[in-house]
């Protein structure tokens, strides 16, 4: 149980720099000063993957590049995004490396690695910076043109805004949110029966025996509680008591730009039967606490990180980098007589 309690800290991607320094983003001269400072550190991406170094089985870290490397990249091919300042006021940026830059120009020990894999063995602070950088870079990639008039857009405010190049566009005359990075709010919920069982589902895209919490986007004009109850009802037929739903924690999920709102709630005693939407999930189960604890221990072993099946277990749970794992661990570690 002691090991599970460690997992109740913040999930991956949720700890960032202490100072985002939003007040500095619009200061062009300050941004230029930062970009050319020998103190500044740069996170490099290619294909949405950060440049990292270390051992995937034990400890990874971001490969931070300096301003000399940044200046060696053709200026017209990059749009650096300002991430913020650390405790020593060191500036941090991120940018997508153009394909024209050869691999030989990078440190020999470094490699580009898929963000979720990298986050397994990376310091929490660095995973938060990866989340911020990846979401911003992906947003820039798909917002090259103004959604109002169709003209090309350009990067501004340290990469936290895009401006339409058409001086007559209405986006210059009033606040229109298409000019700013978006965040998509999602609910993810651990639903229990009020006793010793919790609801787990095998999603349509899941492989092997992997079961996890239910989740979904919050719709327009919908509360968090209503979204939780609706998603559970639509996908499994289980009826949730809306007044039982409690907020637990959150996690930025940069694939591409979701904010996962982690909740725990209780199903109605007469609403436990399944009516499964097979287009969304393959299967749903009421899992008992003992089986959940066993599966959590398996998932927390780094050696099992890529295993999606195990004949000795009734199911496999998501990895510790996910908020789903944290919600399940919180419920499993709680007193069965508690109000969770």
C-alpha atoms as a PDB file:
ATOM      1  CA  UNK A   1       0.000   0.000   0.000  1.00  0.00           C
ATOM      2  CA  UNK A   2       2.899   2.338   0.706  1.00  0.00           C
ATOM      3  CA  UNK A   3       4.018   2.086  -2.910  1.00  0.00           C
ATOM      4  CA  UNK A   4       0.523   2.952  -4.143  1.00  0.00           C
ATOM      5  CA  UNK A   5       0.421   6.053  -1.968  1.00  0.00           C
ATOM      6  CA  UNK A   6       3.444   7.392  -3.877  1.00  0.00           C
ATOM      7  CA  UNK A   7       1.322   7.314  -7.017  1.00  0.00           C
ATOM      8  CA  UNK A   8      -1.210   9.733  -5.481  1.00  0.00           C
ATOM      9  CA  UNK A   9       1.100  12.658  -6.231  1.00  0.00           C
ATOM     10  CA  UNK A  10       0.610  14.745  -9.364  1.00  0.00           C
ATOM     11  CA  UNK A  11       0.414  12.780 -12.653  1.00  0.00           C
ATOM     12  CA  UNK A  12       2.922  13.211 -15.470  1.00  0.00           C
ATOM     13  CA  UNK A  13       2.701  16.400 -17.589  1.00  0.00           C
ATOM     14  CA  UNK A  14       1.190  18.364 -14.669  1.00  0.00           C
ATOM     15  CA  UNK A  15       4.235  20.094 -13.092  1.00  0.00           C
ATOM     16  CA  UNK A  16       5.675  22.971 -15.113  1.00  0.00           C
ATOM     17  CA  UNK A  17       8.083  25.872 -14.687  1.00  0.00           C
ATOM     18  CA  UNK A  18       7.515  28.031 -11.582  1.00  0.00           C
ATOM     19  CA  UNK A  19       7.148  31.195 -13.681  1.00  0.00           C
ATOM     20  CA  UNK A  20       5.468  31.224 -17.094  1.00  0.00           C
ATOM     21  CA  UNK A  21       6.254  34.963 -17.280  1.00  0.00           C
ATOM     22  CA  UNK A  22       3.176  35.804 -19.345  1.00  0.00           C
ATOM     23  CA  UNK A  23       3.859  39.520 -18.809  1.00  0.00           C
ATOM     24  CA  UNK A  24       7.064  39.213 -20.866  1.00  0.00           C
ATOM     25  CA  UNK A  25       5.635  37.490 -23.938  1.00  0.00           C
ATOM     26  CA  UNK A  26       4.582  40.668 -25.747  1.00  0.00           C
ATOM     27  CA  UNK A  27       7.973  42.350 -25.117  1.00  0.00           C
ATOM     28  CA  UNK A  28       9.659  41.698 -28.461  1.00  0.00           C
ATOM     29  CA  UNK A  29      13.058  43.031 -27.455  1.00  0.00           C
ATOM     30  CA  UNK A  30      13.054  40.895 -24.306  1.00  0.00           C
ATOM     31  CA  UNK A  31      12.117  37.813 -26.314  1.00  0.00           C
ATOM     32  CA  UNK A  32      14.947  38.479 -28.751  1.00  0.00           C
ATOM     33  CA  UNK A  33      17.338  39.010 -25.858  1.00  0.00           C
ATOM     34  CA  UNK A  34      16.304  35.660 -24.379  1.00  0.00           C
ATOM     35  CA  UNK A  35      16.637  33.857 -27.726  1.00  0.00           C
ATOM     36  CA  UNK A  36      20.251  34.946 -28.074  1.00  0.00           C
ATOM     37  CA  UNK A  37      21.308  34.616 -24.442  1.00  0.00           C
ATOM     38  CA  UNK A  38      23.944  31.940 -23.693  1.00  0.00           C
ATOM     39  CA  UNK A  39      21.913  31.123 -20.570  1.00  0.00           C
ATOM     40  CA  UNK A  40      18.756  30.153 -22.487  1.00  0.00           C
ATOM     41  CA  UNK A  41      17.839  26.496 -22.920  1.00  0.00           C
ATOM     42  CA  UNK A  42      15.927  25.064 -25.880  1.00  0.00           C
ATOM     43  CA  UNK A  43      13.755  21.960 -26.073  1.00  0.00           C
ATOM     44  CA  UNK A  44      13.784  20.474 -29.586  1.00  0.00           C
ATOM     45  CA  UNK A  45      10.968  18.472 -31.187  1.00  0.00           C
ATOM     46  CA  UNK A  46      10.646  16.548 -34.426  1.00  0.00           C
ATOM     47  CA  UNK A  47       7.350  14.984 -35.463  1.00  0.00           C
ATOM     48  CA  UNK A  48       5.860  15.847 -32.071  1.00  0.00           C
ATOM     49  CA  UNK A  49       8.617  13.935 -30.252  1.00  0.00           C
ATOM     50  CA  UNK A  50      11.037  15.620 -27.810  1.00  0.00           C
ATOM     51  CA  UNK A  51      14.798  15.153 -27.986  1.00  0.00           C
ATOM     52  CA  UNK A  52      15.866  13.163 -24.912  1.00  0.00           C
ATOM     53  CA  UNK A  53      18.829  11.255 -23.539  1.00  0.00           C
ATOM     54  CA  UNK A  54      19.318   8.493 -21.001  1.00  0.00           C
ATOM     55  CA  UNK A  55      17.989   5.013 -20.408  1.00  0.00           C
ATOM     56  CA  UNK A  56      14.309   4.275 -21.163  1.00  0.00           C
ATOM     57  CA  UNK A  57      14.330   1.612 -18.453  1.00  0.00           C
ATOM     58  CA  UNK A  58      15.530   3.897 -15.656  1.00  0.00           C
ATOM     59  CA  UNK A  59      15.995   7.645 -16.165  1.00  0.00           C
ATOM     60  CA  UNK A  60      15.478   9.978 -19.118  1.00  0.00           C
ATOM     61  CA  UNK A  61      15.885  13.733 -19.379  1.00  0.00           C
ATOM     62  CA  UNK A  62      15.380  16.447 -21.962  1.00  0.00           C
ATOM     63  CA  UNK A  63      18.401  17.153 -24.151  1.00  0.00           C
ATOM     64  CA  UNK A  64      18.636  20.897 -23.708  1.00  0.00           C
ATOM     65  CA  UNK A  65      20.254  22.795 -26.575  1.00  0.00           C
ATOM     66  CA  UNK A  66      21.839  26.238 -26.307  1.00  0.00           C
ATOM     67  CA  UNK A  67      21.333  29.486 -28.198  1.00  0.00           C
ATOM     68  CA  UNK A  68      24.285  28.676 -30.467  1.00  0.00           C
ATOM     69  CA  UNK A  69      22.427  25.649 -31.805  1.00  0.00           C
ATOM     70  CA  UNK A  70      19.231  27.690 -32.177  1.00  0.00           C
ATOM     71  CA  UNK A  71      21.053  30.323 -34.243  1.00  0.00           C
ATOM     72  CA  UNK A  72      22.444  27.580 -36.499  1.00  0.00           C
ATOM     73  CA  UNK A  73      18.914  26.642 -37.592  1.00  0.00           C
ATOM     74  CA  UNK A  74      17.515  28.734 -40.492  1.00  0.00           C
ATOM     75  CA  UNK A  75      15.478  31.467 -38.790  1.00  0.00           C
ATOM     76  CA  UNK A  76      12.716  31.427 -41.391  1.00  0.00           C
ATOM     77  CA  UNK A  77      11.989  27.740 -40.713  1.00  0.00           C
ATOM     78  CA  UNK A  78      11.324  27.879 -36.966  1.00  0.00           C
ATOM     79  CA  UNK A  79       8.809  29.526 -34.637  1.00  0.00           C
ATOM     80  CA  UNK A  80      10.174  29.262 -31.070  1.00  0.00           C
ATOM     81  CA  UNK A  81       7.675  29.240 -28.212  1.00  0.00           C
ATOM     82  CA  UNK A  82       8.537  30.755 -24.849  1.00  0.00           C
ATOM     83  CA  UNK A  83       7.878  28.354 -21.951  1.00  0.00           C
ATOM     84  CA  UNK A  84       8.900  30.549 -19.038  1.00  0.00           C
ATOM     85  CA  UNK A  85      11.621  30.976 -16.416  1.00  0.00           C
ATOM     86  CA  UNK A  86      13.031  28.658 -13.773  1.00  0.00           C
ATOM     87  CA  UNK A  87      14.031  29.483 -10.195  1.00  0.00           C
ATOM     88  CA  UNK A  88      17.262  31.135 -11.432  1.00  0.00           C
ATOM     89  CA  UNK A  89      15.423  33.198 -14.102  1.00  0.00           C
ATOM     90  CA  UNK A  90      16.884  31.018 -16.848  1.00  0.00           C
ATOM     91  CA  UNK A  91      14.623  31.289 -19.947  1.00  0.00           C
ATOM     92  CA  UNK A  92      13.269  28.175 -21.665  1.00  0.00           C
ATOM     93  CA  UNK A  93      12.007  27.843 -25.242  1.00  0.00           C
ATOM     94  CA  UNK A  94      10.898  25.030 -27.532  1.00  0.00           C
ATOM     95  CA  UNK A  95      10.826  24.711 -31.307  1.00  0.00           C
ATOM     96  CA  UNK A  96      10.160  22.119 -33.984  1.00  0.00           C
ATOM     97  CA  UNK A  97      13.339  21.145 -35.788  1.00  0.00           C
ATOM     98  CA  UNK A  98      13.030  21.377 -39.589  1.00  0.00           C
ATOM     99  CA  UNK A  99      13.722  18.238 -41.627  1.00  0.00           C
ATOM    100  CA  UNK A 100      16.545  20.121 -43.355  1.00  0.00           C
ATOM    101  CA  UNK A 101      18.641  19.948 -40.163  1.00  0.00           C
ATOM    102  CA  UNK A 102      20.709  16.711 -40.339  1.00  0.00           C
ATOM    103  CA  UNK A 103      20.794  14.274 -37.384  1.00  0.00           C
ATOM    104  CA  UNK A 104      24.586  14.668 -37.205  1.00  0.00           C
ATOM    105  CA  UNK A 105      24.126  18.169 -35.802  1.00  0.00           C
ATOM    106  CA  UNK A 106      22.509  16.729 -32.648  1.00  0.00           C
ATOM    107  CA  UNK A 107      24.294  15.171 -29.663  1.00  0.00           C
ATOM    108  CA  UNK A 108      25.221  11.559 -30.392  1.00  0.00           C
ATOM    109  CA  UNK A 109      23.556  10.216 -27.229  1.00  0.00           C
ATOM    110  CA  UNK A 110      20.263  12.005 -27.889  1.00  0.00           C
ATOM    111  CA  UNK A 111      17.194  10.661 -29.684  1.00  0.00           C
ATOM    112  CA  UNK A 112      13.638  11.718 -30.449  1.00  0.00           C
ATOM    113  CA  UNK A 113      11.144   9.695 -28.407  1.00  0.00           C
ATOM    114  CA  UNK A 114       7.352   9.583 -28.284  1.00  0.00           C
ATOM    115  CA  UNK A 115       6.210  11.846 -25.429  1.00  0.00           C
ATOM    116  CA  UNK A 116       4.212   9.265 -23.457  1.00  0.00           C
ATOM    117  CA  UNK A 117       7.138   6.844 -23.519  1.00  0.00           C
ATOM    118  CA  UNK A 118       9.560   9.586 -22.518  1.00  0.00           C
ATOM    119  CA  UNK A 119       7.359  10.652 -19.604  1.00  0.00           C
ATOM    120  CA  UNK A 120       7.603   7.216 -17.957  1.00  0.00           C
ATOM    121  CA  UNK A 121      11.145   7.848 -16.699  1.00  0.00           C
ATOM    122  CA  UNK A 122      11.438  11.615 -16.830  1.00  0.00           C
ATOM    123  CA  UNK A 123      11.390  14.111 -13.919  1.00  0.00           C
ATOM    124  CA  UNK A 124       7.846  15.442 -13.356  1.00  0.00           C
ATOM    125  CA  UNK A 125       8.961  19.033 -13.987  1.00  0.00           C
ATOM    126  CA  UNK A 126      10.297  18.112 -17.414  1.00  0.00           C
ATOM    127  CA  UNK A 127       7.135  16.210 -18.368  1.00  0.00           C
ATOM    128  CA  UNK A 128       5.148  19.358 -17.630  1.00  0.00           C
ATOM    129  CA  UNK A 129       7.390  21.354 -19.914  1.00  0.00           C
ATOM    130  CA  UNK A 130       6.973  18.714 -22.626  1.00  0.00           C
ATOM    131  CA  UNK A 131       3.179  19.021 -22.309  1.00  0.00           C
ATOM    132  CA  UNK A 132       3.275  22.799 -22.604  1.00  0.00           C
ATOM    133  CA  UNK A 133       5.712  22.783 -25.521  1.00  0.00           C
ATOM    134  CA  UNK A 134       4.086  19.956 -27.488  1.00  0.00           C
ATOM    135  CA  UNK A 135       0.589  21.444 -27.272  1.00  0.00           C
ATOM    136  CA  UNK A 136       1.816  24.875 -28.352  1.00  0.00           C
ATOM    137  CA  UNK A 137       3.834  23.516 -31.278  1.00  0.00           C
ATOM    138  CA  UNK A 138       0.958  21.336 -32.472  1.00  0.00           C
ATOM    139  CA  UNK A 139      -1.398  24.321 -32.274  1.00  0.00           C
ATOM    140  CA  UNK A 140       0.963  26.411 -34.416  1.00  0.00           C
ATOM    141  CA  UNK A 141       1.213  23.620 -36.980  1.00  0.00           C
ATOM    142  CA  UNK A 142      -2.531  23.500 -37.631  1.00  0.00           C
ATOM    143  CA  UNK A 143      -3.294  27.227 -37.408  1.00  0.00           C
ATOM    144  CA  UNK A 144      -1.253  28.613 -40.270  1.00  0.00           C
ATOM    145  CA  UNK A 145      -4.271  30.447 -41.704  1.00  0.00           C
ATOM    146  CA  UNK A 146      -6.857  32.769 -40.186  1.00  0.00           C
ATOM    147  CA  UNK A 147     -10.141  30.971 -39.529  1.00  0.00           C
ATOM    148  CA  UNK A 148     -12.052  34.201 -40.167  1.00  0.00           C
ATOM    149  CA  UNK A 149     -10.631  35.489 -43.464  1.00  0.00           C
ATOM    150  CA  UNK A 150      -8.244  32.740 -44.625  1.00  0.00           C
ATOM    151  CA  UNK A 151      -5.099  34.885 -44.724  1.00  0.00           C
ATOM    152  CA  UNK A 152      -1.767  33.500 -43.439  1.00  0.00           C
ATOM    153  CA  UNK A 153      -1.103  33.984 -39.732  1.00  0.00           C
ATOM    154  CA  UNK A 154       2.161  34.764 -37.984  1.00  0.00           C
ATOM    155  CA  UNK A 155       3.540  33.883 -34.553  1.00  0.00           C
ATOM    156  CA  UNK A 156       3.406  36.532 -31.805  1.00  0.00           C
ATOM    157  CA  UNK A 157       3.717  36.974 -28.016  1.00  0.00           C
ATOM    158  CA  UNK A 158       6.457  34.403 -27.579  1.00  0.00           C
ATOM    159  CA  UNK A 159       4.441  31.774 -29.452  1.00  0.00           C
ATOM    160  CA  UNK A 160       1.272  32.185 -27.371  1.00  0.00           C
ATOM    161  CA  UNK A 161      -0.689  33.987 -30.055  1.00  0.00           C
ATOM    162  CA  UNK A 162      -1.093  34.049 -33.832  1.00  0.00           C
ATOM    163  CA  UNK A 163      -1.932  37.232 -35.694  1.00  0.00           C
ATOM    164  CA  UNK A 164      -3.675  37.462 -39.043  1.00  0.00           C
ATOM    165  CA  UNK A 165      -1.483  39.036 -41.722  1.00  0.00           C
ATOM    166  CA  UNK A 166      -4.512  40.811 -43.196  1.00  0.00           C
ATOM    167  CA  UNK A 167      -4.599  44.276 -41.588  1.00  0.00           C
ATOM    168  CA  UNK A 168      -8.323  44.616 -42.366  1.00  0.00           C
ATOM    169  CA  UNK A 169      -9.295  41.349 -40.649  1.00  0.00           C
ATOM    170  CA  UNK A 170     -11.800  41.642 -37.787  1.00  0.00           C
ATOM    171  CA  UNK A 171      -9.443  39.698 -35.511  1.00  0.00           C
ATOM    172  CA  UNK A 172      -7.416  42.918 -35.126  1.00  0.00           C
ATOM    173  CA  UNK A 173     -10.442  44.865 -33.938  1.00  0.00           C
ATOM    174  CA  UNK A 174     -11.798  42.677 -31.135  1.00  0.00           C
ATOM    175  CA  UNK A 175     -10.898  39.659 -29.021  1.00  0.00           C
ATOM    176  CA  UNK A 176     -11.577  36.487 -30.971  1.00  0.00           C
ATOM    177  CA  UNK A 177     -10.291  33.292 -29.396  1.00  0.00           C
ATOM    178  CA  UNK A 178      -9.209  31.722 -32.693  1.00  0.00           C
ATOM    179  CA  UNK A 179      -5.982  33.728 -32.252  1.00  0.00           C
ATOM    180  CA  UNK A 180      -4.988  31.891 -29.058  1.00  0.00           C
ATOM    181  CA  UNK A 181      -3.976  28.319 -28.210  1.00  0.00           C
ATOM    182  CA  UNK A 182      -6.918  26.126 -27.321  1.00  0.00           C
ATOM    183  CA  UNK A 183      -7.348  23.695 -24.458  1.00  0.00           C
ATOM    184  CA  UNK A 184     -10.060  21.044 -24.678  1.00  0.00           C
ATOM    185  CA  UNK A 185     -11.616  20.150 -21.281  1.00  0.00           C
ATOM    186  CA  UNK A 186     -12.296  16.450 -20.774  1.00  0.00           C
ATOM    187  CA  UNK A 187     -13.708  14.492 -17.861  1.00  0.00           C
ATOM    188  CA  UNK A 188     -12.180  11.198 -16.785  1.00  0.00           C
ATOM    189  CA  UNK A 189     -13.911   9.409 -13.945  1.00  0.00           C
ATOM    190  CA  UNK A 190     -13.482   6.456 -11.655  1.00  0.00           C
ATOM    191  CA  UNK A 191     -16.974   5.211 -10.845  1.00  0.00           C
ATOM    192  CA  UNK A 192     -17.516   2.763  -7.971  1.00  0.00           C
ATOM    193  CA  UNK A 193     -20.537   0.904  -6.609  1.00  0.00           C
ATOM    194  CA  UNK A 194     -20.288   2.334  -3.101  1.00  0.00           C
ATOM    195  CA  UNK A 195     -18.560  -0.811  -1.942  1.00  0.00           C
ATOM    196  CA  UNK A 196     -15.597  -2.845  -3.118  1.00  0.00           C
ATOM    197  CA  UNK A 197     -15.951  -2.613  -6.911  1.00  0.00           C
ATOM    198  CA  UNK A 198     -15.075  -0.005  -9.514  1.00  0.00           C
ATOM    199  CA  UNK A 199     -16.108   0.395 -13.139  1.00  0.00           C
ATOM    200  CA  UNK A 200     -13.396  -0.256 -15.748  1.00  0.00           C
ATOM    201  CA  UNK A 201     -13.736  -0.344 -19.522  1.00  0.00           C
ATOM    202  CA  UNK A 202     -11.760  -1.692 -22.455  1.00  0.00           C
ATOM    203  CA  UNK A 203     -11.958   1.032 -25.070  1.00  0.00           C
ATOM    204  CA  UNK A 204     -12.452   0.450 -28.775  1.00  0.00           C
ATOM    205  CA  UNK A 205      -8.834   1.449 -29.499  1.00  0.00           C
ATOM    206  CA  UNK A 206      -7.378  -0.525 -26.595  1.00  0.00           C
ATOM    207  CA  UNK A 207      -5.127  -3.489 -27.239  1.00  0.00           C
ATOM    208  CA  UNK A 208      -4.778  -6.657 -25.219  1.00  0.00           C
ATOM    209  CA  UNK A 209      -6.254  -6.735 -21.711  1.00  0.00           C
ATOM    210  CA  UNK A 210      -5.941  -3.013 -20.962  1.00  0.00           C
ATOM    211  CA  UNK A 211      -8.893  -1.615 -18.989  1.00  0.00           C
ATOM    212  CA  UNK A 212      -9.135   1.963 -17.738  1.00  0.00           C
ATOM    213  CA  UNK A 213     -11.477   4.715 -16.557  1.00  0.00           C
ATOM    214  CA  UNK A 214     -14.181   6.136 -18.766  1.00  0.00           C
ATOM    215  CA  UNK A 215     -13.556   9.575 -20.250  1.00  0.00           C
ATOM    216  CA  UNK A 216     -14.983  12.070 -22.712  1.00  0.00           C
ATOM    217  CA  UNK A 217     -15.102  15.695 -23.834  1.00  0.00           C
ATOM    218  CA  UNK A 218     -17.286  18.193 -22.017  1.00  0.00           C
ATOM    219  CA  UNK A 219     -19.964  19.456 -24.375  1.00  0.00           C
ATOM    220  CA  UNK A 220     -21.010  23.080 -24.863  1.00  0.00           C
ATOM    221  CA  UNK A 221     -23.143  24.353 -21.984  1.00  0.00           C
ATOM    222  CA  UNK A 222     -22.483  21.259 -19.859  1.00  0.00           C
ATOM    223  CA  UNK A 223     -21.240  21.052 -16.270  1.00  0.00           C
ATOM    224  CA  UNK A 224     -18.426  18.736 -15.235  1.00  0.00           C
ATOM    225  CA  UNK A 225     -20.813  16.606 -13.170  1.00  0.00           C
ATOM    226  CA  UNK A 226     -23.329  16.306 -15.996  1.00  0.00           C
ATOM    227  CA  UNK A 227     -20.575  15.341 -18.453  1.00  0.00           C
ATOM    228  CA  UNK A 228     -19.387  12.548 -16.140  1.00  0.00           C
ATOM    229  CA  UNK A 229     -22.875  11.123 -15.732  1.00  0.00           C
ATOM    230  CA  UNK A 230     -23.658  11.404 -19.447  1.00  0.00           C
ATOM    231  CA  UNK A 231     -20.454   9.737 -20.653  1.00  0.00           C
ATOM    232  CA  UNK A 232     -20.846   6.804 -18.242  1.00  0.00           C
ATOM    233  CA  UNK A 233     -24.517   6.343 -19.171  1.00  0.00           C
ATOM    234  CA  UNK A 234     -23.911   6.611 -22.931  1.00  0.00           C
ATOM    235  CA  UNK A 235     -20.994   4.174 -23.015  1.00  0.00           C
ATOM    236  CA  UNK A 236     -21.972   1.581 -20.395  1.00  0.00           C
ATOM    237  CA  UNK A 237     -25.601   2.175 -19.368  1.00  0.00           C
ATOM    238  CA  UNK A 238     -24.522   2.643 -15.733  1.00  0.00           C
ATOM    239  CA  UNK A 239     -26.389   5.430 -13.901  1.00  0.00           C
ATOM    240  CA  UNK A 240     -24.252   7.755 -11.768  1.00  0.00           C
ATOM    241  CA  UNK A 241     -25.424   9.818  -8.802  1.00  0.00           C
ATOM    242  CA  UNK A 242     -24.421  13.308  -9.940  1.00  0.00           C
ATOM    243  CA  UNK A 243     -24.244  14.680  -6.395  1.00  0.00           C
ATOM    244  CA  UNK A 244     -21.636  12.027  -5.524  1.00  0.00           C
ATOM    245  CA  UNK A 245     -19.107  13.218  -8.126  1.00  0.00           C
ATOM    246  CA  UNK A 246     -15.971  14.748  -6.604  1.00  0.00           C
ATOM    247  CA  UNK A 247     -12.982  16.445  -8.222  1.00  0.00           C
ATOM    248  CA  UNK A 248      -9.661  14.713  -7.493  1.00  0.00           C
ATOM    249  CA  UNK A 249      -6.905  16.091  -9.736  1.00  0.00           C
ATOM    250  CA  UNK A 250      -6.174  17.207 -13.289  1.00  0.00           C
ATOM    251  CA  UNK A 251      -3.645  16.472 -15.993  1.00  0.00           C
ATOM    252  CA  UNK A 252      -2.673  18.316 -19.174  1.00  0.00           C
ATOM    253  CA  UNK A 253      -2.711  15.712 -21.950  1.00  0.00           C
ATOM    254  CA  UNK A 254      -0.836  17.141 -24.954  1.00  0.00           C
ATOM    255  CA  UNK A 255      -2.295  14.819 -27.619  1.00  0.00           C
ATOM    256  CA  UNK A 256      -2.952  17.380 -28.899  1.00  0.00           C
ATOM    257  CA  UNK A 257      -4.290  19.758 -26.210  1.00  0.00           C
ATOM    258  CA  UNK A 258      -6.661  18.234 -23.667  1.00  0.00           C
ATOM    259  CA  UNK A 259      -7.036  19.061 -19.978  1.00  0.00           C
ATOM    260  CA  UNK A 260      -8.161  15.914 -18.173  1.00  0.00           C
ATOM    261  CA  UNK A 261     -10.346  16.636 -15.140  1.00  0.00           C
ATOM    262  CA  UNK A 262     -10.100  13.631 -12.839  1.00  0.00           C
ATOM    263  CA  UNK A 263     -13.259  12.767 -10.910  1.00  0.00           C
ATOM    264  CA  UNK A 264     -14.541  10.023  -8.616  1.00  0.00           C
ATOM    265  CA  UNK A 265     -18.239   9.198  -8.337  1.00  0.00           C
ATOM    266  CA  UNK A 266     -20.712   6.563  -7.207  1.00  0.00           C
ATOM    267  CA  UNK A 267     -23.202   4.601  -9.281  1.00  0.00           C
ATOM    268  CA  UNK A 268     -26.826   4.318  -8.203  1.00  0.00           C
ATOM    269  CA  UNK A 269     -27.597   0.973  -6.544  1.00  0.00           C
ATOM    270  CA  UNK A 270     -30.312   0.266  -9.141  1.00  0.00           C
ATOM    271  CA  UNK A 271     -28.185   1.500 -12.060  1.00  0.00           C
ATOM    272  CA  UNK A 272     -25.333  -1.031 -12.160  1.00  0.00           C
ATOM    273  CA  UNK A 273     -26.375  -3.081 -15.195  1.00  0.00           C
ATOM    274  CA  UNK A 274     -24.499  -2.711 -18.465  1.00  0.00           C
ATOM    275  CA  UNK A 275     -25.891  -1.547 -21.806  1.00  0.00           C
ATOM    276  CA  UNK A 276     -22.614  -1.170 -23.712  1.00  0.00           C
ATOM    277  CA  UNK A 277     -22.062   1.117 -26.694  1.00  0.00           C
ATOM    278  CA  UNK A 278     -19.817  -1.131 -28.779  1.00  0.00           C
ATOM    279  CA  UNK A 279     -18.752   1.744 -31.035  1.00  0.00           C
ATOM    280  CA  UNK A 280     -16.995   3.340 -28.037  1.00  0.00           C
ATOM    281  CA  UNK A 281     -15.898   0.426 -25.848  1.00  0.00           C
ATOM    282  CA  UNK A 282     -15.312  -3.294 -26.287  1.00  0.00           C
ATOM    283  CA  UNK A 283     -16.180  -4.335 -22.759  1.00  0.00           C
ATOM    284  CA  UNK A 284     -16.962  -3.058 -19.257  1.00  0.00           C
ATOM    285  CA  UNK A 285     -16.520  -4.784 -15.899  1.00  0.00           C
ATOM    286  CA  UNK A 286     -17.066  -4.238 -12.200  1.00  0.00           C
ATOM    287  CA  UNK A 287     -13.556  -4.934 -10.872  1.00  0.00           C
ATOM    288  CA  UNK A 288     -13.012  -5.854  -7.221  1.00  0.00           C
ATOM    289  CA  UNK A 289     -10.444  -4.029  -5.103  1.00  0.00           C
ATOM    290  CA  UNK A 290      -8.159  -7.050  -4.653  1.00  0.00           C
ATOM    291  CA  UNK A 291      -7.765  -7.577  -8.417  1.00  0.00           C
ATOM    292  CA  UNK A 292      -7.248  -3.845  -8.929  1.00  0.00           C
ATOM    293  CA  UNK A 293      -4.445  -3.716  -6.337  1.00  0.00           C
ATOM    294  CA  UNK A 294      -2.685  -6.637  -8.012  1.00  0.00           C
ATOM    295  CA  UNK A 295      -2.975  -5.018 -11.450  1.00  0.00           C
ATOM    296  CA  UNK A 296      -1.689  -1.691 -10.091  1.00  0.00           C
ATOM    297  CA  UNK A 297       1.462  -3.327  -8.740  1.00  0.00           C
ATOM    298  CA  UNK A 298       2.036  -4.924 -12.155  1.00  0.00           C
ATOM    299  CA  UNK A 299       1.553  -1.597 -13.985  1.00  0.00           C
ATOM    300  CA  UNK A 300       3.963   0.234 -11.680  1.00  0.00           C
ATOM    301  CA  UNK A 301       6.842  -2.082 -12.548  1.00  0.00           C
ATOM    302  CA  UNK A 302       8.838  -0.386 -15.324  1.00  0.00           C
ATOM    303  CA  UNK A 303       9.698  -3.812 -16.759  1.00  0.00           C
ATOM    304  CA  UNK A 304       6.000  -4.225 -17.632  1.00  0.00           C
ATOM    305  CA  UNK A 305       5.619  -0.850 -19.363  1.00  0.00           C
ATOM    306  CA  UNK A 306       4.912  -2.273 -22.821  1.00  0.00           C
ATOM    307  CA  UNK A 307       2.999  -5.380 -21.754  1.00  0.00           C
ATOM    308  CA  UNK A 308      -0.673  -5.381 -22.693  1.00  0.00           C
ATOM    309  CA  UNK A 309      -1.459  -8.967 -21.747  1.00  0.00           C
ATOM    310  CA  UNK A 310      -0.754 -11.252 -18.797  1.00  0.00           C
ATOM    311  CA  UNK A 311      -2.590 -14.589 -18.387  1.00  0.00           C
ATOM    312  CA  UNK A 312      -2.095 -14.395 -14.609  1.00  0.00           C
ATOM    313  CA  UNK A 313      -4.133 -11.154 -14.344  1.00  0.00           C
ATOM    314  CA  UNK A 314      -7.830 -10.534 -15.094  1.00  0.00           C
ATOM    315  CA  UNK A 315      -6.886  -7.196 -16.705  1.00  0.00           C
ATOM    316  CA  UNK A 316      -4.000  -4.755 -17.292  1.00  0.00           C
ATOM    317  CA  UNK A 317      -4.247  -1.178 -16.017  1.00  0.00           C
ATOM    318  CA  UNK A 318      -2.915   2.048 -17.627  1.00  0.00           C
ATOM    319  CA  UNK A 319       0.644   3.132 -16.902  1.00  0.00           C
ATOM    320  CA  UNK A 320       1.484   5.481 -13.995  1.00  0.00           C
ATOM    321  CA  UNK A 321       1.990   8.416 -16.402  1.00  0.00           C
ATOM    322  CA  UNK A 322      -1.794   8.538 -16.911  1.00  0.00           C
ATOM    323  CA  UNK A 323      -4.389  10.203 -14.731  1.00  0.00           C
ATOM    324  CA  UNK A 324      -6.485   7.051 -15.119  1.00  0.00           C
ATOM    325  CA  UNK A 325      -3.857   5.119 -13.163  1.00  0.00           C
ATOM    326  CA  UNK A 326      -3.870   7.769 -10.430  1.00  0.00           C
ATOM    327  CA  UNK A 327      -7.652   7.749 -10.046  1.00  0.00           C
ATOM    328  CA  UNK A 328      -7.720   3.962  -9.854  1.00  0.00           C
ATOM    329  CA  UNK A 329      -4.844   3.950  -7.322  1.00  0.00           C
ATOM    330  CA  UNK A 330      -6.575   6.554  -5.165  1.00  0.00           C
ATOM    331  CA  UNK A 331      -9.773   4.502  -5.027  1.00  0.00           C
ATOM    332  CA  UNK A 332      -7.919   1.225  -4.434  1.00  0.00           C
ATOM    333  CA  UNK A 333      -5.886   2.691  -1.566  1.00  0.00           C
ATOM    334  CA  UNK A 334      -8.920   4.220   0.156  1.00  0.00           C
ATOM    335  CA  UNK A 335     -10.791   2.695   3.071  1.00  0.00           C
ATOM    336  CA  UNK A 336     -13.739   0.720   1.606  1.00  0.00           C
ATOM    337  CA  UNK A 337     -15.944   2.440   4.223  1.00  0.00           C
ATOM    338  CA  UNK A 338     -14.923   5.947   3.117  1.00  0.00           C
ATOM    339  CA  UNK A 339     -17.230   8.287   1.181  1.00  0.00           C
ATOM    340  CA  UNK A 340     -15.200   7.984  -2.045  1.00  0.00           C
END
